[in-house]
Amino acid sequence: MATAEELAEFYIDSARYGDLDDVVAALKEGVPVDAVDGAGRTALHMASANGHLECVLRILSAGAVRLGAPAAGSLSGQSHRQAPG
């Protein structure tokens, strides 16, 4: 039997690659909709970042409420500063 961490990774990877059937299966197994991976990313983040609209809609309909923290070093995680001028 898979651990809770393994199921969460499966769920997030399924969302990353747009595998709707596996996203649904993971949610039915009780994976928290806002589970995070080691980098703080959620399934919603991964599905949306990779353009998987059906997964995004299913994850939102399951109650996801946030995108989660961006991965370290990602552009979305950097502060936005105005250029000197």
Protein backbone atom coordinates (compact mmCIF):
# COMPACT_ATOMS: atom_id res chain seq x y z
CA MET A 1 0.00 0.00 0.00
CA ALA A 2 1.27 3.47 -0.88
CA THR A 3 2.06 6.00 1.81
CA ALA A 4 0.21 9.32 2.03
CA GLU A 5 3.32 11.06 0.68
CA GLU A 6 3.52 8.68 -2.29
CA LEU A 7 -0.16 9.21 -3.09
CA ALA A 8 0.31 12.97 -2.94
CA GLU A 9 3.27 12.77 -5.33
CA PHE A 10 1.22 10.56 -7.67
CA TYR A 11 -1.64 13.09 -7.59
CA ILE A 12 0.61 16.07 -8.25
CA ASP A 13 2.49 14.28 -11.04
CA SER A 14 -0.81 13.22 -12.60
CA ALA A 15 -1.93 16.85 -12.64
CA ARG A 16 1.44 17.92 -14.06
CA TYR A 17 1.06 15.56 -17.01
CA GLY A 18 -2.68 16.13 -17.49
CA ASP A 19 -3.83 12.64 -16.51
CA LEU A 20 -7.38 13.44 -15.45
CA ASP A 21 -8.30 9.82 -14.65
CA ASP A 22 -5.40 9.53 -12.20
CA VAL A 23 -6.18 12.93 -10.65
CA VAL A 24 -9.75 11.75 -10.00
CA ALA A 25 -8.52 8.39 -8.68
CA ALA A 26 -6.10 10.06 -6.26
CA LEU A 27 -8.82 12.35 -4.94
CA LYS A 28 -11.12 9.35 -4.45
CA GLU A 29 -8.33 7.70 -2.44
CA GLY A 30 -8.46 10.67 -0.09
CA VAL A 31 -5.43 12.68 -1.13
CA PRO A 32 -5.93 16.24 0.17
CA VAL A 33 -6.82 18.47 -2.76
CA ASP A 34 -4.17 21.00 -1.67
CA ALA A 35 -1.41 18.46 -0.97
CA VAL A 36 2.08 19.83 -1.69
CA ASP A 37 5.22 18.24 -3.04
CA GLY A 38 8.75 18.72 -1.70
CA ALA A 39 9.01 22.06 -3.51
CA GLY A 40 5.70 23.35 -2.12
CA ARG A 41 3.79 22.94 -5.39
CA THR A 42 0.18 21.78 -5.50
CA ALA A 43 -1.62 19.77 -8.16
CA LEU A 44 -3.49 22.94 -9.10
CA HIS A 45 -0.19 24.74 -9.65
CA MET A 46 1.21 21.93 -11.78
CA ALA A 47 -1.93 21.48 -13.88
CA SER A 48 -2.28 25.20 -14.53
CA ALA A 49 1.44 25.70 -15.25
CA ASN A 50 1.27 22.98 -17.89
CA GLY A 51 -2.02 24.03 -19.49
CA HIS A 52 -4.20 21.11 -18.41
CA LEU A 53 -7.55 22.88 -18.17
CA GLU A 54 -9.65 19.77 -17.47
CA CYS A 55 -7.40 18.89 -14.52
CA VAL A 56 -7.49 22.49 -13.27
CA LEU A 57 -11.29 22.53 -13.37
CA ARG A 58 -11.57 19.16 -11.61
CA ILE A 59 -9.11 20.16 -8.89
CA LEU A 60 -10.96 23.45 -8.34
CA SER A 61 -14.29 21.63 -8.19
CA ALA A 62 -12.79 19.38 -5.50
CA GLY A 63 -12.19 22.45 -3.34
CA ALA A 64 -8.67 23.68 -4.10
CA VAL A 65 -8.32 27.20 -2.81
CA ARG A 66 -4.77 28.24 -3.62
CA LEU A 67 -1.94 27.73 -6.05
CA GLY A 68 0.61 27.13 -3.33
CA ALA A 69 4.14 28.38 -3.02
CA PRO A 70 6.16 28.63 -6.22
CA ALA A 71 9.25 26.49 -6.60
CA ALA A 72 12.48 28.01 -5.35
CA GLY A 73 14.14 30.03 -8.07
CA SER A 74 11.07 30.27 -10.27
CA LEU A 75 10.30 33.60 -11.84
CA SER A 76 6.95 33.74 -10.07
CA GLY A 77 8.76 33.47 -6.74
CA GLN A 78 11.15 36.35 -7.34
CA SER A 79 10.42 39.81 -6.06
CA HIS A 80 9.46 42.38 -8.64
CA ARG A 81 11.55 45.50 -8.50
CA GLN A 82 11.33 48.56 -10.60
CA ALA A 83 14.31 49.32 -12.77
CA PRO A 84 16.34 52.29 -11.56
CA GLY A 85 15.49 55.28 -13.50
